[in-house]
Amino acid sequence: MKHYILVFFVAITALTGCKKDKISDNDLNNQKIQGKWDVISSRSVTFNNGKKVENEEKFASGTTVFEFVGNILNYIRKNGSKESYSFTIEGDEVIIREDGNSAIFFKLKFNSDTQLELSQSETETDNNVTNEESFTYVMNKL
């Protein structure tokens, strides 16, 4: 009888033992993005009615740093000026807010543990002309 009680308690302990909480993708991305990131290139592409009218790529390592601290993004320029925004991560998007109302949505892509891309695009139609503009920032972790 004692043997059955011991087996019962071992089985109960095994079934109700502690489990590790699964980290959500949002939390994982939030952990990975924390810290300072050097913008090494930025690209802007503009289309009017599907025709590329502007394609500009700048290589700017050392001129701009994105610093993610908690839920604050500090946009730091080489001249020392700094702008701060709040941000959240939802899935593969970073949502940056300048104030409580307006938001900018960036697609988040980690190329590696030390490199990420933030990209955004907007489409607007005015007087039968469709303008599409996209921006991509590539950053290396400092």
N, C-alpha and C. Protein backbone atom coordinates (compact mmCIF):
# COMPACT_ATOMS: atom_id res chain seq x y z
N MET A 1 0.82 -1.20 0.00
CA MET A 1 0.00 0.00 0.00
C MET A 1 0.87 1.26 0.00
N LYS A 2 1.94 1.26 0.81
CA LYS A 2 2.83 2.41 0.86
C LYS A 2 3.44 2.67 -0.51
N HIS A 3 3.72 1.58 -1.21
CA HIS A 3 4.31 1.71 -2.55
C HIS A 3 3.36 2.44 -3.50
N TYR A 4 2.06 2.13 -3.44
CA TYR A 4 1.07 2.79 -4.29
C TYR A 4 0.91 4.27 -3.94
N ILE A 5 0.97 4.59 -2.66
CA ILE A 5 0.87 5.99 -2.23
C ILE A 5 2.07 6.77 -2.73
N LEU A 6 3.27 6.17 -2.63
CA LEU A 6 4.48 6.83 -3.11
C LEU A 6 4.41 7.07 -4.61
N VAL A 7 3.96 6.07 -5.36
CA VAL A 7 3.82 6.21 -6.82
C VAL A 7 2.79 7.29 -7.13
N PHE A 8 1.70 7.33 -6.38
CA PHE A 8 0.66 8.33 -6.58
C PHE A 8 1.23 9.74 -6.38
N PHE A 9 1.98 9.98 -5.30
CA PHE A 9 2.55 11.30 -5.04
C PHE A 9 3.60 11.69 -6.08
N VAL A 10 4.39 10.75 -6.53
CA VAL A 10 5.38 11.03 -7.58
C VAL A 10 4.67 11.41 -8.87
N ALA A 11 3.60 10.69 -9.21
CA ALA A 11 2.84 10.99 -10.43
C ALA A 11 2.19 12.36 -10.34
N ILE A 12 1.59 12.70 -9.22
CA ILE A 12 0.95 14.00 -9.03
C ILE A 12 2.00 15.11 -9.14
N THR A 13 3.15 14.92 -8.51
CA THR A 13 4.22 15.93 -8.57
C THR A 13 4.69 16.12 -10.00
N ALA A 14 4.85 15.05 -10.74
CA ALA A 14 5.30 15.15 -12.12
C ALA A 14 4.27 15.87 -13.00
N LEU A 15 3.00 15.59 -12.78
CA LEU A 15 1.94 16.20 -13.59
C LEU A 15 1.70 17.66 -13.25
N THR A 16 1.93 18.05 -12.03
CA THR A 16 1.64 19.43 -11.62
C THR A 16 2.91 20.24 -11.42
N GLY A 17 4.04 19.72 -11.85
CA GLY A 17 5.31 20.43 -11.69
C GLY A 17 5.31 21.75 -12.45
N CYS A 18 6.28 22.56 -12.13
CA CYS A 18 6.38 23.89 -12.75
C CYS A 18 6.67 23.78 -14.23
N LYS A 19 6.01 24.61 -14.99
CA LYS A 19 6.27 24.71 -16.42
C LYS A 19 6.82 26.09 -16.70
N LYS A 20 7.73 26.17 -17.66
CA LYS A 20 8.24 27.48 -18.06
C LYS A 20 7.17 28.20 -18.87
N ASP A 21 7.00 29.47 -18.59
CA ASP A 21 6.06 30.27 -19.37
C ASP A 21 6.64 30.49 -20.76
N LYS A 22 5.80 30.32 -21.75
CA LYS A 22 6.24 30.56 -23.12
C LYS A 22 6.30 32.06 -23.37
N ILE A 23 7.42 32.50 -23.94
CA ILE A 23 7.59 33.92 -24.24
C ILE A 23 6.90 34.20 -25.58
N SER A 24 6.03 35.21 -25.61
CA SER A 24 5.33 35.55 -26.84
C SER A 24 6.30 36.17 -27.85
N ASP A 25 5.93 36.13 -29.12
CA ASP A 25 6.75 36.76 -30.17
C ASP A 25 6.93 38.24 -29.90
N ASN A 26 5.88 38.90 -29.40
CA ASN A 26 5.98 40.34 -29.09
C ASN A 26 7.05 40.58 -28.03
N ASP A 27 7.04 39.77 -26.96
CA ASP A 27 8.02 39.93 -25.89
C ASP A 27 9.43 39.61 -26.38
N LEU A 28 9.55 38.57 -27.20
CA LEU A 28 10.85 38.19 -27.73
C LEU A 28 11.42 39.30 -28.61
N ASN A 29 10.60 39.84 -29.52
CA ASN A 29 11.05 40.94 -30.37
C ASN A 29 11.38 42.18 -29.54
N ASN A 30 10.59 42.43 -28.50
CA ASN A 30 10.84 43.57 -27.64
C ASN A 30 12.18 43.41 -26.92
N GLN A 31 12.50 42.20 -26.49
CA GLN A 31 13.79 41.96 -25.84
C GLN A 31 14.94 42.13 -26.84
N LYS A 32 14.76 41.63 -28.06
CA LYS A 32 15.83 41.70 -29.06
C LYS A 32 16.11 43.12 -29.53
N ILE A 33 15.09 43.97 -29.57
CA ILE A 33 15.25 45.32 -30.12
C ILE A 33 15.86 46.30 -29.12
N GLN A 34 15.84 45.95 -27.83
CA GLN A 34 16.35 46.86 -26.81
C GLN A 34 17.83 47.18 -27.04
N GLY A 35 18.20 48.44 -26.81
CA GLY A 35 19.58 48.87 -26.95
C GLY A 35 19.73 49.92 -28.03
N LYS A 36 20.98 50.20 -28.39
CA LYS A 36 21.30 51.22 -29.40
C LYS A 36 21.59 50.56 -30.73
N TRP A 37 21.03 51.18 -31.79
CA TRP A 37 21.18 50.68 -33.16
C TRP A 37 21.67 51.82 -34.05
N ASP A 38 22.78 51.59 -34.75
CA ASP A 38 23.36 52.56 -35.68
C ASP A 38 22.71 52.40 -37.05
N VAL A 39 22.11 53.47 -37.56
CA VAL A 39 21.51 53.42 -38.90
C VAL A 39 22.64 53.42 -39.92
N ILE A 40 22.80 52.30 -40.64
CA ILE A 40 23.89 52.22 -41.61
C ILE A 40 23.44 52.58 -43.02
N SER A 41 22.12 52.48 -43.28
CA SER A 41 21.61 52.92 -44.58
C SER A 41 20.13 53.22 -44.47
N SER A 42 19.69 54.11 -45.31
CA SER A 42 18.26 54.40 -45.43
C SER A 42 17.93 54.48 -46.91
N ARG A 43 16.76 53.99 -47.25
CA ARG A 43 16.36 53.97 -48.66
C ARG A 43 14.95 54.49 -48.78
N SER A 44 14.75 55.34 -49.77
CA SER A 44 13.44 55.90 -50.06
C SER A 44 13.13 55.65 -51.54
N VAL A 45 11.97 55.08 -51.80
CA VAL A 45 11.54 54.82 -53.18
C VAL A 45 10.15 55.42 -53.35
N THR A 46 9.95 56.16 -54.44
CA THR A 46 8.66 56.79 -54.72
C THR A 46 8.17 56.36 -56.10
N PHE A 47 6.90 56.00 -56.17
CA PHE A 47 6.25 55.63 -57.43
C PHE A 47 5.06 56.56 -57.66
N ASN A 48 4.84 56.95 -58.90
CA ASN A 48 3.62 57.65 -59.32
C ASN A 48 2.95 56.77 -60.36
N ASN A 49 1.73 56.31 -60.05
CA ASN A 49 0.99 55.39 -60.93
C ASN A 49 1.84 54.20 -61.35
N GLY A 50 2.59 53.66 -60.40
CA GLY A 50 3.39 52.47 -60.67
C GLY A 50 4.73 52.71 -61.31
N LYS A 51 5.03 53.94 -61.69
CA LYS A 51 6.31 54.26 -62.32
C LYS A 51 7.26 54.86 -61.28
N LYS A 52 8.46 54.26 -61.16
CA LYS A 52 9.43 54.74 -60.19
C LYS A 52 9.91 56.13 -60.60
N VAL A 53 9.75 57.09 -59.71
CA VAL A 53 10.17 58.47 -60.02
C VAL A 53 11.33 58.92 -59.14
N GLU A 54 11.56 58.20 -58.05
CA GLU A 54 12.68 58.56 -57.19
C GLU A 54 13.16 57.33 -56.46
N ASN A 55 14.47 57.17 -56.41
CA ASN A 55 15.08 56.06 -55.72
C ASN A 55 16.35 56.59 -55.06
N GLU A 56 16.30 56.76 -53.77
CA GLU A 56 17.42 57.37 -53.07
C GLU A 56 17.89 56.44 -51.96
N GLU A 57 19.17 56.15 -51.96
CA GLU A 57 19.75 55.33 -50.90
C GLU A 57 20.91 56.09 -50.30
N LYS A 58 20.92 56.16 -48.97
CA LYS A 58 21.97 56.87 -48.26
C LYS A 58 22.66 55.90 -47.31
N PHE A 59 23.96 55.98 -47.30
CA PHE A 59 24.74 55.20 -46.34
C PHE A 59 25.23 56.17 -45.29
N ALA A 60 24.78 55.96 -44.07
CA ALA A 60 24.94 57.02 -43.08
C ALA A 60 25.44 56.50 -41.74
N SER A 61 26.28 55.49 -41.72
CA SER A 61 26.74 54.95 -40.45
C SER A 61 27.36 56.05 -39.60
N GLY A 62 26.93 56.10 -38.34
CA GLY A 62 27.47 57.08 -37.42
C GLY A 62 26.72 58.40 -37.37
N THR A 63 25.70 58.58 -38.20
CA THR A 63 24.99 59.86 -38.19
C THR A 63 23.68 59.82 -37.41
N THR A 64 23.08 58.64 -37.27
CA THR A 64 21.80 58.51 -36.56
C THR A 64 21.79 57.22 -35.76
N VAL A 65 21.30 57.31 -34.53
CA VAL A 65 21.18 56.14 -33.67
C VAL A 65 19.74 56.04 -33.20
N PHE A 66 19.18 54.84 -33.28
CA PHE A 66 17.88 54.54 -32.68
C PHE A 66 18.19 53.83 -31.37
N GLU A 67 17.70 54.37 -30.26
CA GLU A 67 17.90 53.74 -28.96
C GLU A 67 16.55 53.32 -28.40
N PHE A 68 16.38 52.01 -28.22
CA PHE A 68 15.14 51.45 -27.68
C PHE A 68 15.38 51.14 -26.20
N VAL A 69 14.64 51.84 -25.33
CA VAL A 69 14.77 51.66 -23.88
C VAL A 69 13.37 51.45 -23.32
N GLY A 70 13.08 50.23 -22.87
CA GLY A 70 11.72 49.93 -22.41
C GLY A 70 10.75 50.11 -23.56
N ASN A 71 9.80 51.05 -23.41
CA ASN A 71 8.86 51.33 -24.50
C ASN A 71 9.10 52.72 -25.09
N ILE A 72 10.32 53.24 -24.94
CA ILE A 72 10.69 54.55 -25.48
C ILE A 72 11.73 54.36 -26.59
N LEU A 73 11.52 55.06 -27.70
CA LEU A 73 12.49 55.12 -28.78
C LEU A 73 13.10 56.51 -28.77
N ASN A 74 14.42 56.57 -28.60
CA ASN A 74 15.15 57.83 -28.71
C ASN A 74 15.82 57.87 -30.07
N TYR A 75 15.51 58.90 -30.83
CA TYR A 75 16.07 59.12 -32.17
C TYR A 75 17.18 60.15 -31.98
N ILE A 76 18.43 59.71 -32.05
CA ILE A 76 19.57 60.55 -31.70
C ILE A 76 20.39 60.84 -32.97
N ARG A 77 20.60 62.12 -33.23
CA ARG A 77 21.41 62.53 -34.39
C ARG A 77 22.84 62.81 -33.96
N LYS A 78 23.73 62.79 -34.94
CA LYS A 78 25.16 63.00 -34.69
C LYS A 78 25.42 64.34 -33.99
N ASN A 79 24.61 65.36 -34.30
CA ASN A 79 24.81 66.68 -33.69
C ASN A 79 24.34 66.73 -32.23
N GLY A 80 23.84 65.61 -31.72
CA GLY A 80 23.44 65.54 -30.32
C GLY A 80 21.96 65.75 -30.08
N SER A 81 21.21 66.19 -31.08
CA SER A 81 19.77 66.39 -30.87
C SER A 81 19.09 65.04 -30.70
N LYS A 82 18.05 65.04 -29.89
CA LYS A 82 17.35 63.79 -29.58
C LYS A 82 15.85 64.04 -29.55
N GLU A 83 15.12 63.13 -30.18
CA GLU A 83 13.66 63.14 -30.13
C GLU A 83 13.23 61.81 -29.52
N SER A 84 12.22 61.86 -28.67
CA SER A 84 11.75 60.64 -28.01
C SER A 84 10.31 60.34 -28.40
N TYR A 85 10.04 59.06 -28.59
CA TYR A 85 8.72 58.58 -28.97
C TYR A 85 8.41 57.34 -28.14
N SER A 86 7.15 57.02 -27.98
CA SER A 86 6.78 55.74 -27.39
C SER A 86 6.63 54.73 -28.52
N PHE A 87 6.82 53.45 -28.19
CA PHE A 87 6.63 52.42 -29.21
C PHE A 87 6.09 51.16 -28.56
N THR A 88 5.41 50.38 -29.38
CA THR A 88 4.98 49.04 -29.00
C THR A 88 5.29 48.11 -30.15
N ILE A 89 5.36 46.84 -29.85
CA ILE A 89 5.57 45.83 -30.89
C ILE A 89 4.36 44.92 -30.90
N GLU A 90 3.79 44.74 -32.09
CA GLU A 90 2.67 43.83 -32.28
C GLU A 90 3.01 42.93 -33.46
N GLY A 91 3.33 41.69 -33.16
CA GLY A 91 3.73 40.76 -34.21
C GLY A 91 5.03 41.21 -34.84
N ASP A 92 4.98 41.44 -36.16
CA ASP A 92 6.19 41.89 -36.86
C ASP A 92 6.14 43.38 -37.18
N GLU A 93 5.40 44.14 -36.36
CA GLU A 93 5.32 45.59 -36.56
C GLU A 93 5.77 46.34 -35.32
N VAL A 94 6.47 47.44 -35.56
CA VAL A 94 6.80 48.39 -34.51
C VAL A 94 5.88 49.59 -34.73
N ILE A 95 5.14 49.95 -33.70
CA ILE A 95 4.21 51.08 -33.79
C ILE A 95 4.80 52.21 -32.97
N ILE A 96 5.15 53.30 -33.66
CA ILE A 96 5.80 54.44 -33.02
C ILE A 96 4.79 55.57 -32.92
N ARG A 97 4.69 56.15 -31.72
CA ARG A 97 3.74 57.23 -31.47
C ARG A 97 4.48 58.47 -30.99
N GLU A 98 4.17 59.59 -31.66
CA GLU A 98 4.74 60.87 -31.25
C GLU A 98 3.90 61.48 -30.14
N ASP A 99 2.62 61.28 -30.22
CA ASP A 99 1.71 61.73 -29.18
C ASP A 99 0.67 60.62 -29.01
N GLY A 100 -0.34 60.86 -28.26
CA GLY A 100 -1.33 59.82 -28.00
C GLY A 100 -2.16 59.41 -29.19
N ASN A 101 -2.19 60.23 -30.26
CA ASN A 101 -3.12 59.97 -31.36
C ASN A 101 -2.46 59.39 -32.60
N SER A 102 -1.44 60.04 -33.12
CA SER A 102 -0.87 59.60 -34.39
C SER A 102 0.13 58.47 -34.19
N ALA A 103 0.20 57.59 -35.18
CA ALA A 103 1.11 56.45 -35.10
C ALA A 103 1.71 56.18 -36.47
N ILE A 104 2.94 55.68 -36.45
CA ILE A 104 3.62 55.25 -37.67
C ILE A 104 3.92 53.77 -37.49
N PHE A 105 3.55 52.97 -38.48
CA PHE A 105 3.72 51.53 -38.43
C PHE A 105 4.92 51.13 -39.29
N PHE A 106 5.87 50.45 -38.69
CA PHE A 106 7.04 49.94 -39.40
C PHE A 106 7.04 48.42 -39.34
N LYS A 107 7.37 47.81 -40.45
CA LYS A 107 7.57 46.37 -40.51
C LYS A 107 8.92 46.08 -39.87
N LEU A 108 8.98 45.11 -38.97
CA LEU A 108 10.19 44.76 -38.24
C LEU A 108 10.75 43.47 -38.79
N LYS A 109 12.05 43.50 -39.13
CA LYS A 109 12.70 42.30 -39.64
C LYS A 109 14.11 42.24 -39.06
N PHE A 110 14.41 41.16 -38.36
CA PHE A 110 15.77 40.95 -37.87
C PHE A 110 16.53 40.15 -38.92
N ASN A 111 17.57 40.75 -39.50
CA ASN A 111 18.41 40.03 -40.45
C ASN A 111 19.36 39.09 -39.71
N SER A 112 19.71 39.46 -38.49
CA SER A 112 20.54 38.65 -37.59
C SER A 112 20.32 39.21 -36.19
N ASP A 113 21.04 38.67 -35.22
CA ASP A 113 20.92 39.20 -33.85
C ASP A 113 21.48 40.61 -33.74
N THR A 114 22.31 41.00 -34.70
CA THR A 114 22.96 42.31 -34.64
C THR A 114 22.56 43.25 -35.76
N GLN A 115 21.58 42.86 -36.58
CA GLN A 115 21.13 43.74 -37.67
C GLN A 115 19.61 43.64 -37.82
N LEU A 116 18.97 44.81 -37.95
CA LEU A 116 17.53 44.82 -38.16
C LEU A 116 17.17 45.82 -39.23
N GLU A 117 15.98 45.62 -39.79
CA GLU A 117 15.40 46.54 -40.78
C GLU A 117 14.05 47.00 -40.28
N LEU A 118 13.80 48.29 -40.43
CA LEU A 118 12.48 48.85 -40.22
C LEU A 118 12.04 49.42 -41.54
N SER A 119 10.87 49.02 -42.03
CA SER A 119 10.39 49.53 -43.32
C SER A 119 8.94 49.96 -43.19
N GLN A 120 8.60 50.94 -44.02
CA GLN A 120 7.26 51.52 -43.97
C GLN A 120 6.88 51.97 -45.36
N SER A 121 5.61 51.85 -45.71
CA SER A 121 5.17 52.36 -47.00
C SER A 121 3.80 53.02 -46.85
N GLU A 122 3.57 54.00 -47.71
CA GLU A 122 2.30 54.73 -47.72
C GLU A 122 1.82 54.84 -49.16
N THR A 123 0.53 54.72 -49.35
CA THR A 123 -0.08 54.90 -50.66
C THR A 123 -1.18 55.93 -50.55
N GLU A 124 -1.18 56.86 -51.50
CA GLU A 124 -2.16 57.94 -51.49
C GLU A 124 -2.59 58.23 -52.92
N THR A 125 -3.89 58.41 -53.13
CA THR A 125 -4.39 58.74 -54.47
C THR A 125 -5.02 60.13 -54.42
N ASP A 126 -4.60 60.97 -55.36
CA ASP A 126 -5.11 62.33 -55.43
C ASP A 126 -5.22 62.70 -56.91
N ASN A 127 -6.40 63.15 -57.37
CA ASN A 127 -6.64 63.52 -58.77
C ASN A 127 -6.20 62.42 -59.73
N ASN A 128 -6.61 61.17 -59.43
CA ASN A 128 -6.32 60.00 -60.26
C ASN A 128 -4.83 59.69 -60.37
N VAL A 129 -4.01 60.21 -59.48
CA VAL A 129 -2.59 59.88 -59.44
C VAL A 129 -2.34 59.14 -58.13
N THR A 130 -1.82 57.92 -58.26
CA THR A 130 -1.50 57.12 -57.08
C THR A 130 -0.02 57.25 -56.77
N ASN A 131 0.27 57.78 -55.59
CA ASN A 131 1.64 57.93 -55.13
C ASN A 131 1.91 56.89 -54.06
N GLU A 132 3.01 56.17 -54.22
CA GLU A 132 3.43 55.21 -53.21
C GLU A 132 4.86 55.54 -52.82
N GLU A 133 5.09 55.62 -51.52
CA GLU A 133 6.42 55.94 -51.02
C GLU A 133 6.79 54.92 -49.96
N SER A 134 8.00 54.40 -50.05
CA SER A 134 8.45 53.44 -49.05
C SER A 134 9.80 53.86 -48.50
N PHE A 135 10.00 53.55 -47.22
CA PHE A 135 11.24 53.86 -46.53
C PHE A 135 11.75 52.58 -45.87
N THR A 136 13.06 52.39 -45.90
CA THR A 136 13.68 51.26 -45.20
C THR A 136 14.93 51.76 -44.50
N TYR A 137 15.02 51.43 -43.22
CA TYR A 137 16.22 51.73 -42.43
C TYR A 137 16.88 50.41 -42.08
N VAL A 138 18.19 50.31 -42.33
CA VAL A 138 18.96 49.14 -41.93
C VAL A 138 19.90 49.58 -40.82
N MET A 139 19.91 48.82 -39.72
CA MET A 139 20.67 49.22 -38.53
C MET A 139 21.49 48.06 -37.99
N ASN A 140 22.65 48.41 -37.46
CA ASN A 140 23.49 47.45 -36.75
C ASN A 140 23.49 47.76 -35.26
N LYS A 141 23.47 46.72 -34.46
CA LYS A 141 23.47 46.90 -33.00
C LYS A 141 24.83 47.43 -32.55
N LEU A 142 24.78 48.41 -31.68
CA LEU A 142 26.02 48.97 -31.13
C LEU A 142 26.41 48.21 -29.85
